[in-house]
Amino acid sequence: MLMMRLQRVGRKNDPSFRIVVTDKRTGVKSDRHVDRLGSYNPKMNHVQIDAAKAKEWLAKGVQPSDTLHNILVSQKVIEGKKKNVLPKKSPIVNEAKIKAEAEAAAAKVAAEAKVKADAEAAAAALLSVEVVADQDDPTDHAEVAPVAEEVKAAEEDAHVEAQTDAEAD
């Protein structure tokens, strides 16, 4: 099977590549390739490619490597999306997934806020009840009476006043 890929020809610390069509089974460094299509210099970001030859070989069924596919897409020789050529350990940036996670996090925060508000409402409902002793039996506390709004406001004022005094000290 033929493959379109890069062949390194640059010296040490100065990479330069040829764009070649070669058999998939041959080594990258062997100079036995079917056709030479151009060159690529990553340091200067310079790509020279014979687009007509590349399209002809692609029409014949030659598969480009992932990096070369991205180069062909950026040079507008072929249409399509670029492929991820990062190693498997590197994170793949998926914008849709990030957006979905952000929405899920926002929904979770909203749910927690609702639970907290419900708990505070239940606590307020419990605080609004005052235990009253029965007139006939002072030890019987079965009867309850609601606390007046003025009493609740006075208690809140006293609590706020105590907090401000504690902060002042």
N, C-alpha and C. Protein backbone atom coordinates (compact mmCIF):
# COMPACT_ATOMS: atom_id res chain seq x y z
N MET A 1 0.84 -1.17 0.00
CA MET A 1 0.00 0.00 0.00
C MET A 1 0.89 1.24 0.00
N LEU A 2 0.57 2.18 -0.85
CA LEU A 2 1.35 3.41 -0.92
C LEU A 2 0.86 4.42 0.11
N MET A 3 1.82 5.23 0.57
CA MET A 3 1.51 6.22 1.60
C MET A 3 2.24 7.51 1.29
N MET A 4 1.58 8.62 1.56
CA MET A 4 2.19 9.93 1.39
C MET A 4 2.64 10.38 2.78
N ARG A 5 3.96 10.63 2.94
CA ARG A 5 4.45 10.99 4.25
C ARG A 5 5.68 11.88 4.15
N LEU A 6 6.17 12.29 5.31
CA LEU A 6 7.34 13.15 5.39
C LEU A 6 8.60 12.31 5.56
N GLN A 7 9.68 12.71 4.87
CA GLN A 7 10.98 12.07 5.02
C GLN A 7 11.96 13.13 5.49
N ARG A 8 12.56 12.90 6.65
CA ARG A 8 13.46 13.91 7.22
C ARG A 8 14.78 13.92 6.45
N VAL A 9 15.19 15.12 6.07
CA VAL A 9 16.46 15.27 5.36
C VAL A 9 17.33 16.32 6.01
N GLY A 10 16.85 17.01 7.01
CA GLY A 10 17.62 18.08 7.65
C GLY A 10 18.70 17.54 8.55
N ARG A 11 19.64 18.39 8.89
CA ARG A 11 20.71 17.98 9.80
C ARG A 11 20.25 18.12 11.25
N LYS A 12 21.13 17.81 12.18
CA LYS A 12 20.80 17.84 13.60
C LYS A 12 20.37 19.24 14.03
N ASN A 13 19.26 19.33 14.76
CA ASN A 13 18.67 20.57 15.27
C ASN A 13 18.22 21.53 14.17
N ASP A 14 18.13 21.05 12.96
CA ASP A 14 17.64 21.87 11.85
C ASP A 14 16.76 20.99 10.96
N PRO A 15 15.55 20.67 11.42
CA PRO A 15 14.73 19.72 10.67
C PRO A 15 14.23 20.31 9.35
N SER A 16 14.19 19.45 8.36
CA SER A 16 13.65 19.77 7.05
C SER A 16 13.12 18.45 6.50
N PHE A 17 12.02 18.51 5.79
CA PHE A 17 11.39 17.28 5.34
C PHE A 17 11.08 17.32 3.85
N ARG A 18 11.09 16.13 3.23
CA ARG A 18 10.59 15.96 1.88
C ARG A 18 9.20 15.37 1.99
N ILE A 19 8.34 15.74 1.10
CA ILE A 19 7.01 15.13 1.03
C ILE A 19 7.10 14.10 -0.08
N VAL A 20 6.98 12.81 0.29
CA VAL A 20 7.19 11.73 -0.67
C VAL A 20 6.02 10.76 -0.66
N VAL A 21 5.89 10.03 -1.76
CA VAL A 21 4.96 8.91 -1.86
C VAL A 21 5.84 7.67 -1.84
N THR A 22 5.59 6.80 -0.87
CA THR A 22 6.42 5.62 -0.70
C THR A 22 5.57 4.44 -0.24
N ASP A 23 6.16 3.25 -0.34
CA ASP A 23 5.47 2.06 0.15
C ASP A 23 5.45 2.12 1.67
N LYS A 24 4.35 1.72 2.26
CA LYS A 24 4.19 1.81 3.70
C LYS A 24 5.20 0.94 4.45
N ARG A 25 5.62 -0.17 3.84
CA ARG A 25 6.51 -1.12 4.50
C ARG A 25 7.98 -0.70 4.47
N THR A 26 8.34 0.23 3.60
CA THR A 26 9.75 0.65 3.54
C THR A 26 10.05 1.62 4.65
N GLY A 27 11.31 1.66 5.04
CA GLY A 27 11.73 2.55 6.11
C GLY A 27 11.65 4.00 5.68
N VAL A 28 11.49 4.86 6.65
CA VAL A 28 11.35 6.29 6.37
C VAL A 28 12.66 6.85 5.84
N LYS A 29 13.79 6.38 6.36
CA LYS A 29 15.08 6.93 5.97
C LYS A 29 15.61 6.35 4.67
N SER A 30 15.02 5.23 4.22
CA SER A 30 15.49 4.69 2.94
C SER A 30 15.10 5.65 1.83
N ASP A 31 15.92 5.74 0.85
CA ASP A 31 15.66 6.70 -0.24
C ASP A 31 14.89 6.05 -1.38
N ARG A 32 14.16 4.97 -1.08
CA ARG A 32 13.39 4.27 -2.10
C ARG A 32 11.95 4.76 -2.05
N HIS A 33 11.67 5.83 -2.72
CA HIS A 33 10.31 6.34 -2.76
C HIS A 33 9.83 6.38 -4.21
N VAL A 34 8.51 6.38 -4.38
CA VAL A 34 7.90 6.35 -5.70
C VAL A 34 7.93 7.72 -6.36
N ASP A 35 7.60 8.75 -5.59
CA ASP A 35 7.54 10.11 -6.16
C ASP A 35 7.83 11.13 -5.07
N ARG A 36 8.43 12.23 -5.50
CA ARG A 36 8.72 13.35 -4.61
C ARG A 36 7.74 14.47 -4.95
N LEU A 37 7.00 14.95 -3.92
CA LEU A 37 5.95 15.94 -4.16
C LEU A 37 6.33 17.35 -3.71
N GLY A 38 7.27 17.49 -2.81
CA GLY A 38 7.64 18.82 -2.35
C GLY A 38 8.47 18.75 -1.09
N SER A 39 8.49 19.85 -0.35
CA SER A 39 9.27 19.92 0.88
C SER A 39 8.53 20.72 1.93
N TYR A 40 9.01 20.56 3.19
CA TYR A 40 8.40 21.25 4.33
C TYR A 40 9.50 21.62 5.30
N ASN A 41 9.57 22.90 5.66
CA ASN A 41 10.54 23.38 6.64
C ASN A 41 9.76 23.93 7.83
N PRO A 42 9.69 23.18 8.94
CA PRO A 42 8.87 23.63 10.07
C PRO A 42 9.42 24.85 10.79
N LYS A 43 10.73 25.08 10.74
CA LYS A 43 11.30 26.25 11.44
C LYS A 43 10.86 27.55 10.79
N MET A 44 10.81 27.57 9.46
CA MET A 44 10.37 28.77 8.75
C MET A 44 8.90 28.68 8.35
N ASN A 45 8.25 27.56 8.70
CA ASN A 45 6.85 27.31 8.36
C ASN A 45 6.64 27.47 6.86
N HIS A 46 7.52 26.87 6.08
CA HIS A 46 7.49 26.98 4.62
C HIS A 46 7.12 25.62 4.04
N VAL A 47 6.06 25.62 3.23
CA VAL A 47 5.62 24.39 2.57
C VAL A 47 5.64 24.63 1.08
N GLN A 48 6.32 23.74 0.37
CA GLN A 48 6.33 23.78 -1.09
C GLN A 48 5.82 22.42 -1.54
N ILE A 49 4.68 22.41 -2.22
CA ILE A 49 4.07 21.15 -2.63
C ILE A 49 3.47 21.29 -4.02
N ASP A 50 3.59 20.25 -4.81
CA ASP A 50 2.98 20.21 -6.13
C ASP A 50 1.54 19.71 -5.93
N ALA A 51 0.59 20.63 -5.90
CA ALA A 51 -0.80 20.30 -5.57
C ALA A 51 -1.41 19.36 -6.60
N ALA A 52 -1.08 19.54 -7.87
CA ALA A 52 -1.66 18.68 -8.91
C ALA A 52 -1.21 17.23 -8.72
N LYS A 53 0.09 17.02 -8.45
CA LYS A 53 0.59 15.66 -8.22
C LYS A 53 -0.04 15.06 -6.96
N ALA A 54 -0.17 15.87 -5.91
CA ALA A 54 -0.74 15.39 -4.66
C ALA A 54 -2.18 14.93 -4.87
N LYS A 55 -2.96 15.72 -5.58
CA LYS A 55 -4.36 15.35 -5.85
C LYS A 55 -4.43 14.09 -6.69
N GLU A 56 -3.51 13.96 -7.65
CA GLU A 56 -3.48 12.78 -8.52
C GLU A 56 -3.20 11.53 -7.69
N TRP A 57 -2.21 11.60 -6.79
CA TRP A 57 -1.88 10.44 -5.97
C TRP A 57 -3.03 10.13 -4.98
N LEU A 58 -3.66 11.16 -4.44
CA LEU A 58 -4.78 10.93 -3.54
C LEU A 58 -5.94 10.28 -4.27
N ALA A 59 -6.15 10.66 -5.55
CA ALA A 59 -7.20 10.06 -6.35
C ALA A 59 -6.93 8.58 -6.61
N LYS A 60 -5.64 8.21 -6.64
CA LYS A 60 -5.26 6.81 -6.87
C LYS A 60 -5.37 5.97 -5.59
N GLY A 61 -5.66 6.60 -4.47
CA GLY A 61 -5.86 5.85 -3.23
C GLY A 61 -4.71 5.92 -2.25
N VAL A 62 -3.75 6.79 -2.48
CA VAL A 62 -2.63 6.94 -1.54
C VAL A 62 -3.15 7.62 -0.28
N GLN A 63 -2.77 7.06 0.89
CA GLN A 63 -3.21 7.60 2.17
C GLN A 63 -2.13 8.52 2.74
N PRO A 64 -2.47 9.78 3.07
CA PRO A 64 -1.47 10.66 3.70
C PRO A 64 -1.35 10.35 5.19
N SER A 65 -0.18 10.61 5.76
CA SER A 65 -0.02 10.49 7.21
C SER A 65 -0.85 11.61 7.85
N ASP A 66 -1.06 11.51 9.17
CA ASP A 66 -1.89 12.50 9.85
C ASP A 66 -1.29 13.90 9.75
N THR A 67 0.01 14.01 9.95
CA THR A 67 0.67 15.32 9.87
C THR A 67 0.58 15.88 8.46
N LEU A 68 0.81 15.03 7.47
CA LEU A 68 0.74 15.48 6.09
C LEU A 68 -0.70 15.83 5.70
N HIS A 69 -1.65 15.11 6.25
CA HIS A 69 -3.07 15.46 6.02
C HIS A 69 -3.34 16.88 6.51
N ASN A 70 -2.83 17.23 7.71
CA ASN A 70 -3.03 18.57 8.25
C ASN A 70 -2.35 19.62 7.39
N ILE A 71 -1.17 19.30 6.85
CA ILE A 71 -0.47 20.23 5.96
C ILE A 71 -1.27 20.44 4.68
N LEU A 72 -1.82 19.35 4.13
CA LEU A 72 -2.61 19.46 2.89
C LEU A 72 -3.89 20.27 3.13
N VAL A 73 -4.49 20.12 4.30
CA VAL A 73 -5.69 20.90 4.62
C VAL A 73 -5.33 22.38 4.76
N SER A 74 -4.21 22.67 5.42
CA SER A 74 -3.83 24.08 5.60
C SER A 74 -3.41 24.72 4.28
N GLN A 75 -2.88 23.94 3.34
CA GLN A 75 -2.50 24.46 2.03
C GLN A 75 -3.67 24.45 1.05
N LYS A 76 -4.84 23.99 1.53
CA LYS A 76 -6.08 23.94 0.74
C LYS A 76 -5.96 23.04 -0.49
N VAL A 77 -5.14 21.99 -0.37
CA VAL A 77 -5.04 20.99 -1.43
C VAL A 77 -6.23 20.05 -1.32
N ILE A 78 -6.64 19.74 -0.09
CA ILE A 78 -7.82 18.91 0.15
C ILE A 78 -8.74 19.63 1.12
N GLU A 79 -10.00 19.24 1.12
CA GLU A 79 -10.99 19.81 2.03
C GLU A 79 -11.15 18.87 3.22
N GLY A 80 -11.48 19.41 4.36
CA GLY A 80 -11.74 18.59 5.53
C GLY A 80 -11.21 19.24 6.78
N LYS A 81 -11.38 18.51 7.87
CA LYS A 81 -10.92 18.99 9.17
C LYS A 81 -9.55 18.41 9.44
N LYS A 82 -8.77 19.13 10.25
CA LYS A 82 -7.47 18.63 10.65
C LYS A 82 -7.63 17.50 11.66
N LYS A 83 -6.64 16.60 11.68
CA LYS A 83 -6.64 15.48 12.60
C LYS A 83 -5.78 15.80 13.81
N ASN A 84 -6.09 15.18 14.93
CA ASN A 84 -5.28 15.35 16.14
C ASN A 84 -4.06 14.44 16.03
N VAL A 85 -2.88 15.02 16.00
CA VAL A 85 -1.65 14.25 15.88
C VAL A 85 -0.87 14.24 17.18
N LEU A 86 -1.47 14.72 18.27
CA LEU A 86 -0.80 14.74 19.56
C LEU A 86 -0.69 13.31 20.10
N PRO A 87 0.26 13.07 20.96
CA PRO A 87 0.34 11.75 21.58
C PRO A 87 -0.91 11.45 22.39
N LYS A 88 -1.13 10.19 22.66
CA LYS A 88 -2.34 9.77 23.37
C LYS A 88 -2.41 10.37 24.78
N LYS A 89 -1.28 10.66 25.40
CA LYS A 89 -1.28 11.20 26.75
C LYS A 89 -1.70 12.67 26.78
N SER A 90 -1.58 13.36 25.67
CA SER A 90 -1.94 14.77 25.64
C SER A 90 -3.45 14.92 25.61
N PRO A 91 -3.97 15.95 26.25
CA PRO A 91 -5.41 16.13 26.24
C PRO A 91 -5.90 16.60 24.87
N ILE A 92 -7.02 16.09 24.47
CA ILE A 92 -7.65 16.51 23.23
C ILE A 92 -8.69 17.55 23.59
N VAL A 93 -8.60 18.70 23.01
CA VAL A 93 -9.53 19.78 23.32
C VAL A 93 -10.81 19.56 22.53
N ASN A 94 -11.88 19.30 23.25
CA ASN A 94 -13.18 19.08 22.64
C ASN A 94 -14.10 20.17 23.18
N GLU A 95 -14.36 21.18 22.36
CA GLU A 95 -15.11 22.35 22.82
C GLU A 95 -16.53 21.99 23.22
N ALA A 96 -17.16 21.07 22.51
CA ALA A 96 -18.53 20.69 22.84
C ALA A 96 -18.58 20.02 24.21
N LYS A 97 -17.59 19.18 24.49
CA LYS A 97 -17.54 18.50 25.78
C LYS A 97 -17.31 19.50 26.90
N ILE A 98 -16.43 20.47 26.69
CA ILE A 98 -16.15 21.50 27.70
C ILE A 98 -17.41 22.31 27.98
N LYS A 99 -18.15 22.66 26.92
CA LYS A 99 -19.38 23.43 27.08
C LYS A 99 -20.42 22.62 27.85
N ALA A 100 -20.53 21.32 27.54
CA ALA A 100 -21.49 20.46 28.23
C ALA A 100 -21.12 20.33 29.70
N GLU A 101 -19.82 20.20 30.00
CA GLU A 101 -19.39 20.11 31.40
C GLU A 101 -19.68 21.41 32.14
N ALA A 102 -19.50 22.55 31.49
CA ALA A 102 -19.79 23.83 32.13
C ALA A 102 -21.28 23.96 32.43
N GLU A 103 -22.13 23.52 31.50
CA GLU A 103 -23.57 23.56 31.72
C GLU A 103 -23.96 22.62 32.85
N ALA A 104 -23.34 21.44 32.91
CA ALA A 104 -23.64 20.49 33.98
C ALA A 104 -23.23 21.07 35.33
N ALA A 105 -22.07 21.73 35.37
CA ALA A 105 -21.60 22.34 36.61
C ALA A 105 -22.55 23.46 37.05
N ALA A 106 -23.02 24.26 36.09
CA ALA A 106 -23.96 25.33 36.42
C ALA A 106 -25.28 24.75 36.94
N ALA A 107 -25.74 23.66 36.33
CA ALA A 107 -26.97 23.02 36.79
C ALA A 107 -26.78 22.46 38.20
N LYS A 108 -25.61 21.90 38.47
CA LYS A 108 -25.33 21.35 39.79
C LYS A 108 -25.32 22.45 40.84
N VAL A 109 -24.71 23.59 40.52
CA VAL A 109 -24.67 24.72 41.45
C VAL A 109 -26.09 25.23 41.71
N ALA A 110 -26.90 25.31 40.64
CA ALA A 110 -28.28 25.76 40.81
C ALA A 110 -29.06 24.79 41.68
N ALA A 111 -28.85 23.49 41.49
CA ALA A 111 -29.55 22.49 42.30
C ALA A 111 -29.12 22.59 43.77
N GLU A 112 -27.81 22.78 44.00
CA GLU A 112 -27.33 22.92 45.37
C GLU A 112 -27.89 24.18 46.02
N ALA A 113 -28.01 25.26 45.26
CA ALA A 113 -28.57 26.50 45.78
C ALA A 113 -30.04 26.29 46.15
N LYS A 114 -30.77 25.53 45.32
CA LYS A 114 -32.18 25.26 45.60
C LYS A 114 -32.32 24.42 46.86
N VAL A 115 -31.47 23.40 47.01
CA VAL A 115 -31.50 22.56 48.20
C VAL A 115 -31.19 23.39 49.44
N LYS A 116 -30.20 24.28 49.33
CA LYS A 116 -29.83 25.13 50.45
C LYS A 116 -30.98 26.07 50.82
N ALA A 117 -31.64 26.64 49.80
CA ALA A 117 -32.77 27.54 50.05
C ALA A 117 -33.92 26.79 50.71
N ASP A 118 -34.17 25.55 50.25
CA ASP A 118 -35.23 24.74 50.86
C ASP A 118 -34.90 24.43 52.32
N ALA A 119 -33.63 24.12 52.58
CA ALA A 119 -33.21 23.81 53.96
C ALA A 119 -33.36 25.04 54.85
N GLU A 120 -32.99 26.21 54.32
CA GLU A 120 -33.15 27.45 55.10
C GLU A 120 -34.61 27.76 55.35
N ALA A 121 -35.47 27.50 54.37
CA ALA A 121 -36.90 27.73 54.55
C ALA A 121 -37.46 26.78 55.62
N ALA A 122 -37.00 25.53 55.59
CA ALA A 122 -37.46 24.56 56.59
C ALA A 122 -36.98 24.97 57.97
N ALA A 123 -35.73 25.43 58.05
CA ALA A 123 -35.19 25.88 59.34
C ALA A 123 -35.95 27.10 59.84
N ALA A 124 -36.29 28.01 58.93
CA ALA A 124 -37.07 29.19 59.33
C ALA A 124 -38.45 28.78 59.81
N ALA A 125 -39.03 27.78 59.17
CA ALA A 125 -40.35 27.30 59.59
C ALA A 125 -40.27 26.70 60.99
N LEU A 126 -39.18 26.00 61.29
CA LEU A 126 -39.01 25.43 62.62
C LEU A 126 -38.78 26.52 63.66
N LEU A 127 -38.09 27.57 63.29
CA LEU A 127 -37.81 28.65 64.22
C LEU A 127 -39.05 29.50 64.50
N SER A 128 -40.03 29.45 63.60
CA SER A 128 -41.20 30.29 63.78
C SER A 128 -42.24 29.67 64.70
N VAL A 129 -41.87 28.60 65.41
CA VAL A 129 -42.80 27.93 66.31
C VAL A 129 -42.27 28.09 67.74
N GLU A 130 -43.19 28.49 68.62
CA GLU A 130 -42.82 28.66 70.04
C GLU A 130 -43.61 27.66 70.86
N VAL A 131 -42.92 27.00 71.76
CA VAL A 131 -43.59 26.01 72.61
C VAL A 131 -44.27 26.73 73.77
N VAL A 132 -45.53 26.40 73.98
CA VAL A 132 -46.31 27.03 75.05
C VAL A 132 -46.78 25.94 76.00
N ALA A 133 -46.65 26.21 77.28
CA ALA A 133 -47.11 25.24 78.27
C ALA A 133 -48.62 25.33 78.41
N ASP A 134 -49.22 24.20 78.69
CA ASP A 134 -50.67 24.14 78.89
C ASP A 134 -51.01 24.82 80.21
N GLN A 135 -52.13 25.54 80.24
CA GLN A 135 -52.52 26.28 81.44
C GLN A 135 -52.79 25.32 82.60
N ASP A 136 -53.43 24.19 82.30
CA ASP A 136 -53.81 23.26 83.35
C ASP A 136 -52.60 22.46 83.84
N ASP A 137 -51.72 22.04 82.90
CA ASP A 137 -50.57 21.21 83.25
C ASP A 137 -49.30 21.90 82.76
N PRO A 138 -48.51 22.57 83.61
CA PRO A 138 -47.33 23.31 83.16
C PRO A 138 -46.24 22.42 82.56
N THR A 139 -46.23 21.12 82.80
CA THR A 139 -45.21 20.24 82.24
C THR A 139 -45.57 19.74 80.85
N ASP A 140 -46.81 19.95 80.42
CA ASP A 140 -47.25 19.50 79.09
C ASP A 140 -46.92 20.59 78.07
N HIS A 141 -46.06 20.26 77.11
CA HIS A 141 -45.66 21.20 76.08
C HIS A 141 -46.16 20.76 74.70
N ALA A 142 -47.30 20.15 74.64
CA ALA A 142 -47.83 19.63 73.39
C ALA A 142 -48.39 20.74 72.52
N GLU A 143 -48.85 21.80 73.12
CA GLU A 143 -49.42 22.88 72.33
C GLU A 143 -48.31 23.81 71.86
N VAL A 144 -48.44 24.29 70.63
CA VAL A 144 -47.47 25.23 70.08
C VAL A 144 -48.21 26.43 69.53
N ALA A 145 -47.55 27.58 69.58
CA ALA A 145 -48.13 28.80 69.04
C ALA A 145 -47.12 29.45 68.12
N PRO A 146 -47.55 30.07 67.00
CA PRO A 146 -46.61 30.72 66.09
C PRO A 146 -46.02 31.97 66.73
N VAL A 147 -44.77 32.25 66.41
CA VAL A 147 -44.09 33.42 66.93
C VAL A 147 -44.51 34.62 66.10
N ALA A 148 -44.76 35.69 66.73
CA ALA A 148 -45.19 36.89 66.03
C ALA A 148 -44.04 37.45 65.19
N GLU A 149 -44.37 38.15 64.11
CA GLU A 149 -43.37 38.72 63.20
C GLU A 149 -42.48 39.74 63.91
N GLU A 150 -43.05 40.48 64.86
CA GLU A 150 -42.26 41.46 65.59
C GLU A 150 -41.19 40.78 66.44
N VAL A 151 -41.53 39.65 67.01
CA VAL A 151 -40.59 38.92 67.86
C VAL A 151 -39.43 38.41 66.99
N LYS A 152 -39.73 37.89 65.78
CA LYS A 152 -38.69 37.40 64.87
C LYS A 152 -37.77 38.54 64.45
N ALA A 153 -38.34 39.69 64.12
CA ALA A 153 -37.53 40.84 63.71
C ALA A 153 -36.63 41.29 64.84
N ALA A 154 -37.15 41.31 66.06
CA ALA A 154 -36.35 41.70 67.22
C ALA A 154 -35.21 40.71 67.44
N GLU A 155 -35.48 39.42 67.28
CA GLU A 155 -34.43 38.41 67.44
C GLU A 155 -33.34 38.58 66.38
N GLU A 156 -33.73 38.86 65.14
CA GLU A 156 -32.75 39.06 64.06
C GLU A 156 -31.91 40.30 64.34
N ASP A 157 -32.56 41.38 64.79
CA ASP A 157 -31.81 42.61 65.13
C ASP A 157 -30.81 42.34 66.24
N ALA A 158 -31.20 41.59 67.22
CA ALA A 158 -30.31 41.26 68.34
C ALA A 158 -29.14 40.42 67.84
N HIS A 159 -29.42 39.50 66.93
CA HIS A 159 -28.36 38.64 66.38
C HIS A 159 -27.37 39.47 65.56
N VAL A 160 -27.87 40.38 64.73
CA VAL A 160 -27.00 41.23 63.92
C VAL A 160 -26.17 42.14 64.82
N GLU A 161 -26.79 42.67 65.86
CA GLU A 161 -26.09 43.55 66.80
C GLU A 161 -24.98 42.79 67.52
N ALA A 162 -25.25 41.55 67.88
CA ALA A 162 -24.24 40.73 68.55
C ALA A 162 -23.07 40.44 67.61
N GLN A 163 -23.37 40.21 66.34
CA GLN A 163 -22.30 39.96 65.39
C GLN A 163 -21.42 41.20 65.18
N THR A 164 -22.04 42.36 65.05
CA THR A 164 -21.26 43.58 64.85
C THR A 164 -20.40 43.89 66.08
N ASP A 165 -20.93 43.62 67.30
CA ASP A 165 -20.16 43.82 68.52
C ASP A 165 -18.98 42.85 68.55
N ALA A 166 -19.19 41.61 68.11
CA ALA A 166 -18.11 40.60 68.12
C ALA A 166 -17.05 40.98 67.11
N GLU A 167 -17.43 41.54 65.97
CA GLU A 167 -16.47 41.94 64.95
C GLU A 167 -15.69 43.17 65.40
N ALA A 168 -16.35 44.05 66.13
CA ALA A 168 -15.69 45.27 66.61
C ALA A 168 -14.60 44.94 67.62
N ASP A 169 -14.80 43.89 68.41
CA ASP A 169 -13.81 43.49 69.43
C ASP A 169 -12.69 42.83 68.74
